[in-house]
């Protein structure tokens, strides 16, 4: 059986899908086609423990809870001698025990973290869940206020809008266990603005030919939001109203509505409320300043209110 030798550990909503897709184009790199297996969070826990709206359904549908090493190793059966073999699970950076679990299985694992302005990241997670019909409020400030209650209720990490953005403290957990040369941190903005240079550095880090250039450019996944929240939850969400809609509407009508939803039911999200942005900048300020020193990168733009 084959075990990976590198991981993209997060952060969620920071371009991990784009990065994994670009790495996977390299002929010497194999990336699991199962996106986010979460093995180093799920190991030894066969039952998905989360209780938020749609948590279990989404994770089951996308096979995001691989709890045994045998299942996990099977994801890399098609590696065929690739030099770099890996996967990307965005909770690894956030989960407190993931670094220990990874080191226990593979102490020489190479680790890639891709980071995005944590204020933007929080809002992007919110709009994604709103788009998917899972977020129970359309008010971002209200959703932030509900975070502690949701965490206590056992909702999955994607709902932890603030908590997932403390990158410095999360990276420090890895640096306590792994050697500095095993960890590479890139910024999502670099992957967008200078993709060739960013990828060349990552290819060198993974020990593969760094002259290879992927065909696609990096693009962020923009989470559209519903124009009409009730309509959207009826056809796309995880709500009681959807259950009622299934009972009342013929199958053909429901399919026609759902098919037309991307064109007629979604729009670009509105700008983040300035009040929420200013509040989150202060929440993250100390962590951003500490991260700036850790990475030796200027992150002052992350502290500017008015840029979304």
C-alpha atoms as a PDB file:
ATOM      1  CA  UNK A   1       0.000   0.000   0.000  1.00  0.00           C
ATOM      2  CA  UNK A   2       1.080   3.609  -0.652  1.00  0.00           C
ATOM      3  CA  UNK A   3       1.188   6.417   1.896  1.00  0.00           C
ATOM      4  CA  UNK A   4       1.469  10.118   1.002  1.00  0.00           C
ATOM      5  CA  UNK A   5       4.680  12.064   1.502  1.00  0.00           C
ATOM      6  CA  UNK A   6       3.123  15.546   1.383  1.00  0.00           C
ATOM      7  CA  UNK A   7      -0.054  17.231   2.578  1.00  0.00           C
ATOM      8  CA  UNK A   8      -1.769  20.517   1.807  1.00  0.00           C
ATOM      9  CA  UNK A   9      -3.052  21.243   5.308  1.00  0.00           C
ATOM     10  CA  UNK A  10      -5.277  24.275   4.680  1.00  0.00           C
ATOM     11  CA  UNK A  11      -6.493  26.843   5.364  1.00  0.00           C
ATOM     12  CA  UNK A  12     -10.117  26.343   4.363  1.00  0.00           C
ATOM     13  CA  UNK A  13     -11.455  28.793   1.728  1.00  0.00           C
ATOM     14  CA  UNK A  14      -7.923  29.907   0.881  1.00  0.00           C
ATOM     15  CA  UNK A  15      -7.397  28.324  -2.535  1.00  0.00           C
ATOM     16  CA  UNK A  16      -6.549  24.763  -1.533  1.00  0.00           C
ATOM     17  CA  UNK A  17      -8.607  23.281  -4.367  1.00  0.00           C
ATOM     18  CA  UNK A  18      -6.880  25.468  -6.937  1.00  0.00           C
ATOM     19  CA  UNK A  19      -3.472  24.642  -5.509  1.00  0.00           C
ATOM     20  CA  UNK A  20      -4.098  20.888  -5.404  1.00  0.00           C
ATOM     21  CA  UNK A  21      -5.427  20.990  -8.965  1.00  0.00           C
ATOM     22  CA  UNK A  22      -2.305  22.729 -10.209  1.00  0.00           C
ATOM     23  CA  UNK A  23       0.026  20.404  -8.324  1.00  0.00           C
ATOM     24  CA  UNK A  24      -1.844  17.406  -9.734  1.00  0.00           C
ATOM     25  CA  UNK A  25      -0.993  18.463 -13.289  1.00  0.00           C
ATOM     26  CA  UNK A  26       2.688  17.776 -12.674  1.00  0.00           C
ATOM     27  CA  UNK A  27       3.687  14.379 -14.140  1.00  0.00           C
ATOM     28  CA  UNK A  28       5.765  13.544 -11.053  1.00  0.00           C
ATOM     29  CA  UNK A  29       3.029  14.419  -8.555  1.00  0.00           C
ATOM     30  CA  UNK A  30      -0.010  12.359  -7.578  1.00  0.00           C
ATOM     31  CA  UNK A  31      -2.854  13.996  -5.672  1.00  0.00           C
ATOM     32  CA  UNK A  32      -5.733  11.914  -4.340  1.00  0.00           C
ATOM     33  CA  UNK A  33      -8.906  12.400  -6.378  1.00  0.00           C
ATOM     34  CA  UNK A  34     -10.848  12.163  -3.122  1.00  0.00           C
ATOM     35  CA  UNK A  35     -10.864  15.772  -1.995  1.00  0.00           C
ATOM     36  CA  UNK A  36     -10.360  16.293   1.726  1.00  0.00           C
ATOM     37  CA  UNK A  37     -10.377  12.763   3.171  1.00  0.00           C
ATOM     38  CA  UNK A  38      -9.607  14.257   6.628  1.00  0.00           C
ATOM     39  CA  UNK A  39      -7.847  11.072   7.757  1.00  0.00           C
ATOM     40  CA  UNK A  40      -5.631  12.771  10.328  1.00  0.00           C
ATOM     41  CA  UNK A  41      -8.753  14.198  11.970  1.00  0.00           C
ATOM     42  CA  UNK A  42     -11.049  11.196  11.482  1.00  0.00           C
ATOM     43  CA  UNK A  43      -8.650   8.354  12.319  1.00  0.00           C
ATOM     44  CA  UNK A  44     -10.192   5.850  14.713  1.00  0.00           C
ATOM     45  CA  UNK A  45     -13.587   7.599  14.713  1.00  0.00           C
ATOM     46  CA  UNK A  46     -15.854   5.830  12.200  1.00  0.00           C
ATOM     47  CA  UNK A  47     -18.902   7.978  12.966  1.00  0.00           C
ATOM     48  CA  UNK A  48     -18.998  11.593  11.750  1.00  0.00           C
ATOM     49  CA  UNK A  49     -19.431  13.551  14.992  1.00  0.00           C
ATOM     50  CA  UNK A  50     -20.724  16.874  13.662  1.00  0.00           C
ATOM     51  CA  UNK A  51     -24.276  18.157  14.176  1.00  0.00           C
ATOM     52  CA  UNK A  52     -24.606  21.339  12.115  1.00  0.00           C
ATOM     53  CA  UNK A  53     -27.097  21.763   9.243  1.00  0.00           C
ATOM     54  CA  UNK A  54     -26.035  19.414   6.461  1.00  0.00           C
ATOM     55  CA  UNK A  55     -22.706  18.523   8.095  1.00  0.00           C
ATOM     56  CA  UNK A  56     -23.085  14.772   7.905  1.00  0.00           C
ATOM     57  CA  UNK A  57     -24.862  14.754   4.546  1.00  0.00           C
ATOM     58  CA  UNK A  58     -22.192  16.849   2.827  1.00  0.00           C
ATOM     59  CA  UNK A  59     -19.298  14.932   4.358  1.00  0.00           C
ATOM     60  CA  UNK A  60     -20.821  11.565   3.465  1.00  0.00           C
ATOM     61  CA  UNK A  61     -21.595  12.674  -0.086  1.00  0.00           C
ATOM     62  CA  UNK A  62     -18.008  13.831  -0.659  1.00  0.00           C
ATOM     63  CA  UNK A  63     -16.334  11.013   1.310  1.00  0.00           C
ATOM     64  CA  UNK A  64     -14.760  13.519   3.664  1.00  0.00           C
ATOM     65  CA  UNK A  65     -14.379  11.176   6.638  1.00  0.00           C
ATOM     66  CA  UNK A  66     -11.837   8.409   6.040  1.00  0.00           C
ATOM     67  CA  UNK A  67     -11.195   6.864   9.448  1.00  0.00           C
ATOM     68  CA  UNK A  68      -8.932   3.841   8.804  1.00  0.00           C
ATOM     69  CA  UNK A  69      -5.399   3.670   7.453  1.00  0.00           C
ATOM     70  CA  UNK A  70      -6.410   0.933   5.014  1.00  0.00           C
ATOM     71  CA  UNK A  71      -9.118   3.133   3.505  1.00  0.00           C
ATOM     72  CA  UNK A  72      -6.730   6.062   3.416  1.00  0.00           C
ATOM     73  CA  UNK A  73      -3.905   4.199   1.695  1.00  0.00           C
ATOM     74  CA  UNK A  74      -6.336   2.957  -0.958  1.00  0.00           C
ATOM     75  CA  UNK A  75      -6.752   6.581  -2.099  1.00  0.00           C
ATOM     76  CA  UNK A  76      -3.179   6.509  -3.412  1.00  0.00           C
ATOM     77  CA  UNK A  77      -3.304   3.168  -5.222  1.00  0.00           C
ATOM     78  CA  UNK A  78      -2.982   4.967  -8.565  1.00  0.00           C
ATOM     79  CA  UNK A  79       0.214   6.830  -7.672  1.00  0.00           C
ATOM     80  CA  UNK A  80       2.268   4.568  -9.964  1.00  0.00           C
ATOM     81  CA  UNK A  81       5.667   5.528  -8.644  1.00  0.00           C
ATOM     82  CA  UNK A  82       5.112   9.292  -8.467  1.00  0.00           C
ATOM     83  CA  UNK A  83       7.846  11.139  -6.586  1.00  0.00           C
ATOM     84  CA  UNK A  84       5.423  13.312  -4.632  1.00  0.00           C
ATOM     85  CA  UNK A  85       2.167  11.775  -3.386  1.00  0.00           C
ATOM     86  CA  UNK A  86      -0.315  13.805  -1.434  1.00  0.00           C
ATOM     87  CA  UNK A  87      -3.752  15.136  -0.625  1.00  0.00           C
ATOM     88  CA  UNK A  88      -5.294  18.337   0.669  1.00  0.00           C
ATOM     89  CA  UNK A  89      -7.557  18.431   3.733  1.00  0.00           C
ATOM     90  CA  UNK A  90      -8.230  21.928   5.009  1.00  0.00           C
ATOM     91  CA  UNK A  91      -8.950  20.987   8.612  1.00  0.00           C
ATOM     92  CA  UNK A  92      -5.424  19.714   9.259  1.00  0.00           C
ATOM     93  CA  UNK A  93      -4.120  23.211   9.929  1.00  0.00           C
ATOM     94  CA  UNK A  94      -6.975  23.963  12.326  1.00  0.00           C
ATOM     95  CA  UNK A  95      -7.282  20.672  14.197  1.00  0.00           C
ATOM     96  CA  UNK A  96      -5.240  20.704  17.407  1.00  0.00           C
ATOM     97  CA  UNK A  97      -4.298  17.020  17.270  1.00  0.00           C
ATOM     98  CA  UNK A  98      -3.619  16.690  13.533  1.00  0.00           C
ATOM     99  CA  UNK A  99       0.118  17.569  13.735  1.00  0.00           C
ATOM    100  CA  UNK A 100       0.734  14.801  16.288  1.00  0.00           C
ATOM    101  CA  UNK A 101      -1.233  12.266  14.246  1.00  0.00           C
ATOM    102  CA  UNK A 102       0.608  13.169  11.047  1.00  0.00           C
ATOM    103  CA  UNK A 103       3.988  12.920  12.742  1.00  0.00           C
ATOM    104  CA  UNK A 104       3.060   9.583  14.290  1.00  0.00           C
ATOM    105  CA  UNK A 105       2.370   8.104  10.844  1.00  0.00           C
ATOM    106  CA  UNK A 106       4.959   9.982   8.786  1.00  0.00           C
ATOM    107  CA  UNK A 107       7.573  12.030  10.671  1.00  0.00           C
ATOM    108  CA  UNK A 108       9.204  13.127   7.391  1.00  0.00           C
ATOM    109  CA  UNK A 109       5.945  14.411   5.840  1.00  0.00           C
ATOM    110  CA  UNK A 110       6.243  17.604   3.824  1.00  0.00           C
ATOM    111  CA  UNK A 111       3.539  20.130   4.666  1.00  0.00           C
ATOM    112  CA  UNK A 112       2.110  22.975   2.597  1.00  0.00           C
ATOM    113  CA  UNK A 113      -0.157  25.660   4.062  1.00  0.00           C
ATOM    114  CA  UNK A 114      -1.879  28.228   1.846  1.00  0.00           C
ATOM    115  CA  UNK A 115      -3.200  31.249   3.710  1.00  0.00           C
ATOM    116  CA  UNK A 116      -5.698  33.967   2.858  1.00  0.00           C
ATOM    117  CA  UNK A 117      -6.549  37.182   4.661  1.00  0.00           C
ATOM    118  CA  UNK A 118      -8.474  35.699   7.636  1.00  0.00           C
ATOM    119  CA  UNK A 119     -11.164  38.379   7.459  1.00  0.00           C
ATOM    120  CA  UNK A 120     -11.866  37.518   3.818  1.00  0.00           C
ATOM    121  CA  UNK A 121     -11.627  33.823   4.621  1.00  0.00           C
ATOM    122  CA  UNK A 122     -14.316  34.086   7.297  1.00  0.00           C
ATOM    123  CA  UNK A 123     -16.723  35.896   4.991  1.00  0.00           C
ATOM    124  CA  UNK A 124     -16.045  33.459   2.149  1.00  0.00           C
ATOM    125  CA  UNK A 125     -16.921  30.511   4.404  1.00  0.00           C
ATOM    126  CA  UNK A 126     -20.132  32.286   5.406  1.00  0.00           C
ATOM    127  CA  UNK A 127     -21.188  33.001   1.809  1.00  0.00           C
ATOM    128  CA  UNK A 128     -20.400  29.418   0.766  1.00  0.00           C
ATOM    129  CA  UNK A 129     -22.673  28.014   3.465  1.00  0.00           C
ATOM    130  CA  UNK A 130     -25.305  30.590   2.542  1.00  0.00           C
ATOM    131  CA  UNK A 131     -25.063  29.513  -1.098  1.00  0.00           C
ATOM    132  CA  UNK A 132     -25.444  25.870  -0.106  1.00  0.00           C
ATOM    133  CA  UNK A 133     -28.596  26.615   1.857  1.00  0.00           C
ATOM    134  CA  UNK A 134     -26.988  25.566   5.142  1.00  0.00           C
ATOM    135  CA  UNK A 135     -26.387  28.903   6.861  1.00  0.00           C
ATOM    136  CA  UNK A 136     -29.430  29.742   8.978  1.00  0.00           C
ATOM    137  CA  UNK A 137     -29.003  33.528   8.834  1.00  0.00           C
ATOM    138  CA  UNK A 138     -28.259  35.940   6.011  1.00  0.00           C
ATOM    139  CA  UNK A 139     -26.648  38.378   8.468  1.00  0.00           C
ATOM    140  CA  UNK A 140     -22.882  37.850   8.761  1.00  0.00           C
ATOM    141  CA  UNK A 141     -22.638  39.702  12.077  1.00  0.00           C
ATOM    142  CA  UNK A 142     -25.402  37.530  13.473  1.00  0.00           C
ATOM    143  CA  UNK A 143     -23.572  34.418  12.261  1.00  0.00           C
ATOM    144  CA  UNK A 144     -20.379  35.583  13.980  1.00  0.00           C
ATOM    145  CA  UNK A 145     -22.291  36.120  17.204  1.00  0.00           C
ATOM    146  CA  UNK A 146     -23.657  32.564  16.972  1.00  0.00           C
ATOM    147  CA  UNK A 147     -20.223  30.960  16.558  1.00  0.00           C
ATOM    148  CA  UNK A 148     -19.581  30.052  20.204  1.00  0.00           C
ATOM    149  CA  UNK A 149     -23.000  28.436  20.536  1.00  0.00           C
ATOM    150  CA  UNK A 150     -22.484  26.480  17.317  1.00  0.00           C
ATOM    151  CA  UNK A 151     -19.072  25.250  18.431  1.00  0.00           C
ATOM    152  CA  UNK A 152     -20.534  24.028  21.719  1.00  0.00           C
ATOM    153  CA  UNK A 153     -23.301  22.275  19.778  1.00  0.00           C
ATOM    154  CA  UNK A 154     -20.726  20.330  17.740  1.00  0.00           C
ATOM    155  CA  UNK A 155     -21.040  21.963  14.312  1.00  0.00           C
ATOM    156  CA  UNK A 156     -18.187  21.142  11.933  1.00  0.00           C
ATOM    157  CA  UNK A 157     -15.129  23.432  11.666  1.00  0.00           C
ATOM    158  CA  UNK A 158     -16.279  25.248   8.495  1.00  0.00           C
ATOM    159  CA  UNK A 159     -18.764  27.086  10.743  1.00  0.00           C
ATOM    160  CA  UNK A 160     -15.909  28.362  12.948  1.00  0.00           C
ATOM    161  CA  UNK A 161     -15.616  31.610  11.046  1.00  0.00           C
ATOM    162  CA  UNK A 162     -13.322  33.359  13.537  1.00  0.00           C
ATOM    163  CA  UNK A 163     -11.503  30.417  15.081  1.00  0.00           C
ATOM    164  CA  UNK A 164     -10.191  29.069  11.767  1.00  0.00           C
ATOM    165  CA  UNK A 165      -8.389  32.345  11.038  1.00  0.00           C
ATOM    166  CA  UNK A 166      -5.731  32.288  13.768  1.00  0.00           C
ATOM    167  CA  UNK A 167      -2.985  31.016  11.484  1.00  0.00           C
ATOM    168  CA  UNK A 168      -0.005  31.901  13.644  1.00  0.00           C
ATOM    169  CA  UNK A 169      -1.110  29.765  16.569  1.00  0.00           C
ATOM    170  CA  UNK A 170      -2.030  26.954  14.166  1.00  0.00           C
ATOM    171  CA  UNK A 171       1.336  27.011  12.406  1.00  0.00           C
ATOM    172  CA  UNK A 172       3.185  27.096  15.723  1.00  0.00           C
ATOM    173  CA  UNK A 173       1.645  23.713  16.578  1.00  0.00           C
ATOM    174  CA  UNK A 174       3.305  22.256  13.472  1.00  0.00           C
ATOM    175  CA  UNK A 175       6.633  23.994  14.088  1.00  0.00           C
ATOM    176  CA  UNK A 176       6.811  22.428  17.546  1.00  0.00           C
ATOM    177  CA  UNK A 177       6.689  18.940  16.005  1.00  0.00           C
ATOM    178  CA  UNK A 178       8.133  19.193  12.486  1.00  0.00           C
ATOM    179  CA  UNK A 179      11.424  20.624  11.288  1.00  0.00           C
ATOM    180  CA  UNK A 180      11.155  24.077   9.654  1.00  0.00           C
ATOM    181  CA  UNK A 181      12.364  22.696   6.324  1.00  0.00           C
ATOM    182  CA  UNK A 182       9.362  20.341   6.239  1.00  0.00           C
ATOM    183  CA  UNK A 183       6.870  23.217   6.225  1.00  0.00           C
ATOM    184  CA  UNK A 184       6.187  25.581   3.329  1.00  0.00           C
ATOM    185  CA  UNK A 185       3.716  28.456   3.669  1.00  0.00           C
ATOM    186  CA  UNK A 186       2.368  30.321   0.646  1.00  0.00           C
ATOM    187  CA  UNK A 187      -0.183  33.106   0.392  1.00  0.00           C
ATOM    188  CA  UNK A 188      -3.280  32.750  -1.737  1.00  0.00           C
ATOM    189  CA  UNK A 189      -2.572  36.198  -3.165  1.00  0.00           C
ATOM    190  CA  UNK A 190       0.814  34.931  -4.430  1.00  0.00           C
ATOM    191  CA  UNK A 191      -0.800  31.937  -6.105  1.00  0.00           C
ATOM    192  CA  UNK A 192      -3.097  34.349  -7.944  1.00  0.00           C
ATOM    193  CA  UNK A 193      -0.624  37.112  -8.773  1.00  0.00           C
ATOM    194  CA  UNK A 194       2.619  35.153  -9.338  1.00  0.00           C
ATOM    195  CA  UNK A 195       1.495  31.550  -9.914  1.00  0.00           C
ATOM    196  CA  UNK A 196       4.597  30.440 -11.836  1.00  0.00           C
ATOM    197  CA  UNK A 197       7.045  31.599  -9.186  1.00  0.00           C
ATOM    198  CA  UNK A 198       4.890  30.229  -6.383  1.00  0.00           C
ATOM    199  CA  UNK A 199       4.506  26.827  -8.012  1.00  0.00           C
ATOM    200  CA  UNK A 200       8.165  26.644  -8.947  1.00  0.00           C
ATOM    201  CA  UNK A 201       9.039  27.032  -5.285  1.00  0.00           C
ATOM    202  CA  UNK A 202       6.560  24.332  -4.309  1.00  0.00           C
ATOM    203  CA  UNK A 203       7.826  21.921  -6.965  1.00  0.00           C
ATOM    204  CA  UNK A 204      11.348  22.408  -5.660  1.00  0.00           C
ATOM    205  CA  UNK A 205      10.061  21.842  -2.111  1.00  0.00           C
ATOM    206  CA  UNK A 206       8.430  18.566  -3.202  1.00  0.00           C
ATOM    207  CA  UNK A 207      11.540  17.372  -5.008  1.00  0.00           C
ATOM    208  CA  UNK A 208      10.103  17.315  -8.517  1.00  0.00           C
ATOM    209  CA  UNK A 209      11.052  19.046 -11.767  1.00  0.00           C
ATOM    210  CA  UNK A 210      10.546  22.746 -11.038  1.00  0.00           C
ATOM    211  CA  UNK A 211      10.556  23.762 -14.704  1.00  0.00           C
ATOM    212  CA  UNK A 212       7.095  22.273 -15.291  1.00  0.00           C
ATOM    213  CA  UNK A 213       4.320  24.832 -15.889  1.00  0.00           C
ATOM    214  CA  UNK A 214       0.682  23.831 -15.289  1.00  0.00           C
ATOM    215  CA  UNK A 215      -1.774  24.731 -18.035  1.00  0.00           C
ATOM    216  CA  UNK A 216      -4.350  26.449 -15.843  1.00  0.00           C
ATOM    217  CA  UNK A 217      -3.955  29.667 -13.924  1.00  0.00           C
ATOM    218  CA  UNK A 218      -5.055  29.910 -10.317  1.00  0.00           C
ATOM    219  CA  UNK A 219      -8.559  31.186  -9.710  1.00  0.00           C
ATOM    220  CA  UNK A 220     -10.352  31.524  -6.434  1.00  0.00           C
ATOM    221  CA  UNK A 221     -13.676  29.803  -5.995  1.00  0.00           C
ATOM    222  CA  UNK A 222     -16.152  32.642  -5.526  1.00  0.00           C
ATOM    223  CA  UNK A 223     -19.130  31.653  -3.409  1.00  0.00           C
ATOM    224  CA  UNK A 224     -22.240  33.122  -4.963  1.00  0.00           C
ATOM    225  CA  UNK A 225     -25.202  33.770  -2.689  1.00  0.00           C
ATOM    226  CA  UNK A 226     -28.940  33.258  -3.316  1.00  0.00           C
ATOM    227  CA  UNK A 227     -31.039  36.126  -4.606  1.00  0.00           C
ATOM    228  CA  UNK A 228     -34.005  34.687  -2.742  1.00  0.00           C
ATOM    229  CA  UNK A 229     -33.066  32.769   0.406  1.00  0.00           C
ATOM    230  CA  UNK A 230     -36.402  30.944   0.790  1.00  0.00           C
ATOM    231  CA  UNK A 231     -36.418  29.881  -2.865  1.00  0.00           C
ATOM    232  CA  UNK A 232     -32.822  28.731  -2.673  1.00  0.00           C
ATOM    233  CA  UNK A 233     -33.296  26.690   0.490  1.00  0.00           C
ATOM    234  CA  UNK A 234     -36.309  25.063  -1.121  1.00  0.00           C
ATOM    235  CA  UNK A 235     -34.256  23.585  -3.945  1.00  0.00           C
ATOM    236  CA  UNK A 236     -30.696  23.481  -2.650  1.00  0.00           C
ATOM    237  CA  UNK A 237     -30.594  23.669   1.095  1.00  0.00           C
ATOM    238  CA  UNK A 238     -30.739  21.422   4.127  1.00  0.00           C
ATOM    239  CA  UNK A 239     -33.980  22.740   5.559  1.00  0.00           C
ATOM    240  CA  UNK A 240     -37.476  21.679   6.547  1.00  0.00           C
ATOM    241  CA  UNK A 241     -38.889  23.866   3.796  1.00  0.00           C
ATOM    242  CA  UNK A 242     -37.036  21.706   1.262  1.00  0.00           C
ATOM    243  CA  UNK A 243     -38.733  18.614   2.687  1.00  0.00           C
ATOM    244  CA  UNK A 244     -42.132  20.298   2.319  1.00  0.00           C
ATOM    245  CA  UNK A 245     -41.246  21.363  -1.221  1.00  0.00           C
ATOM    246  CA  UNK A 246     -40.401  17.786  -2.161  1.00  0.00           C
ATOM    247  CA  UNK A 247     -43.797  16.683  -0.935  1.00  0.00           C
ATOM    248  CA  UNK A 248     -45.734  19.379  -2.808  1.00  0.00           C
ATOM    249  CA  UNK A 249     -43.870  19.850  -6.096  1.00  0.00           C
ATOM    250  CA  UNK A 250     -43.721  17.254  -8.878  1.00  0.00           C
ATOM    251  CA  UNK A 251     -40.290  15.772  -9.564  1.00  0.00           C
ATOM    252  CA  UNK A 252     -40.083  17.383 -13.001  1.00  0.00           C
ATOM    253  CA  UNK A 253     -40.815  20.838 -11.627  1.00  0.00           C
ATOM    254  CA  UNK A 254     -38.206  20.471  -8.862  1.00  0.00           C
ATOM    255  CA  UNK A 255     -35.560  19.329 -11.336  1.00  0.00           C
ATOM    256  CA  UNK A 256     -36.328  22.221 -13.682  1.00  0.00           C
ATOM    257  CA  UNK A 257     -36.053  24.739 -10.835  1.00  0.00           C
ATOM    258  CA  UNK A 258     -32.794  23.252  -9.592  1.00  0.00           C
ATOM    259  CA  UNK A 259     -31.334  23.135 -13.107  1.00  0.00           C
ATOM    260  CA  UNK A 260     -32.034  26.834 -13.578  1.00  0.00           C
ATOM    261  CA  UNK A 261     -30.867  27.843 -10.109  1.00  0.00           C
ATOM    262  CA  UNK A 262     -27.250  28.717 -10.997  1.00  0.00           C
ATOM    263  CA  UNK A 263     -28.424  31.204 -13.625  1.00  0.00           C
ATOM    264  CA  UNK A 264     -31.531  32.610 -11.987  1.00  0.00           C
ATOM    265  CA  UNK A 265     -31.125  32.105  -8.252  1.00  0.00           C
ATOM    266  CA  UNK A 266     -27.567  33.175  -7.435  1.00  0.00           C
ATOM    267  CA  UNK A 267     -25.632  36.428  -7.481  1.00  0.00           C
ATOM    268  CA  UNK A 268     -22.308  37.823  -6.400  1.00  0.00           C
ATOM    269  CA  UNK A 269     -22.223  38.248  -2.607  1.00  0.00           C
ATOM    270  CA  UNK A 270     -22.578  41.809  -1.329  1.00  0.00           C
ATOM    271  CA  UNK A 271     -19.494  43.438   0.170  1.00  0.00           C
ATOM    272  CA  UNK A 272     -18.738  42.425   3.718  1.00  0.00           C
ATOM    273  CA  UNK A 273     -20.375  44.813   6.183  1.00  0.00           C
ATOM    274  CA  UNK A 274     -17.772  47.368   7.273  1.00  0.00           C
ATOM    275  CA  UNK A 275     -18.796  46.835  10.892  1.00  0.00           C
ATOM    276  CA  UNK A 276     -17.995  43.126  10.645  1.00  0.00           C
ATOM    277  CA  UNK A 277     -14.758  43.796   8.786  1.00  0.00           C
ATOM    278  CA  UNK A 278     -13.535  46.295  11.376  1.00  0.00           C
ATOM    279  CA  UNK A 279     -14.445  43.944  14.206  1.00  0.00           C
ATOM    280  CA  UNK A 280     -12.624  40.983  12.646  1.00  0.00           C
ATOM    281  CA  UNK A 281      -9.508  43.025  11.891  1.00  0.00           C
ATOM    282  CA  UNK A 282      -9.240  43.749  15.611  1.00  0.00           C
ATOM    283  CA  UNK A 283      -9.959  40.105  16.482  1.00  0.00           C
ATOM    284  CA  UNK A 284      -7.110  38.927  14.253  1.00  0.00           C
ATOM    285  CA  UNK A 285      -4.692  41.850  14.715  1.00  0.00           C
ATOM    286  CA  UNK A 286      -2.291  40.266  17.218  1.00  0.00           C
ATOM    287  CA  UNK A 287      -2.233  36.943  15.379  1.00  0.00           C
ATOM    288  CA  UNK A 288      -1.577  38.670  12.040  1.00  0.00           C
ATOM    289  CA  UNK A 289       1.308  40.670  13.499  1.00  0.00           C
ATOM    290  CA  UNK A 290       2.801  37.507  15.000  1.00  0.00           C
ATOM    291  CA  UNK A 291       2.355  35.681  11.680  1.00  0.00           C
ATOM    292  CA  UNK A 292       4.062  38.557   9.881  1.00  0.00           C
ATOM    293  CA  UNK A 293       7.153  38.007  12.005  1.00  0.00           C
ATOM    294  CA  UNK A 294       7.014  34.228  11.685  1.00  0.00           C
ATOM    295  CA  UNK A 295       6.840  34.352   7.881  1.00  0.00           C
ATOM    296  CA  UNK A 296       8.930  37.509   7.445  1.00  0.00           C
ATOM    297  CA  UNK A 297       6.194  38.824   5.151  1.00  0.00           C
ATOM    298  CA  UNK A 298       4.427  42.179   5.093  1.00  0.00           C
ATOM    299  CA  UNK A 299       0.789  41.433   5.951  1.00  0.00           C
ATOM    300  CA  UNK A 300      -0.251  45.016   6.689  1.00  0.00           C
ATOM    301  CA  UNK A 301      -2.906  44.841   3.936  1.00  0.00           C
ATOM    302  CA  UNK A 302      -4.741  42.269   6.061  1.00  0.00           C
ATOM    303  CA  UNK A 303      -5.189  44.947   8.729  1.00  0.00           C
ATOM    304  CA  UNK A 304      -6.718  47.518   6.383  1.00  0.00           C
ATOM    305  CA  UNK A 305     -10.463  48.072   6.698  1.00  0.00           C
ATOM    306  CA  UNK A 306     -12.177  48.722   3.383  1.00  0.00           C
ATOM    307  CA  UNK A 307     -10.419  46.081   1.266  1.00  0.00           C
ATOM    308  CA  UNK A 308     -12.516  42.946   0.670  1.00  0.00           C
END
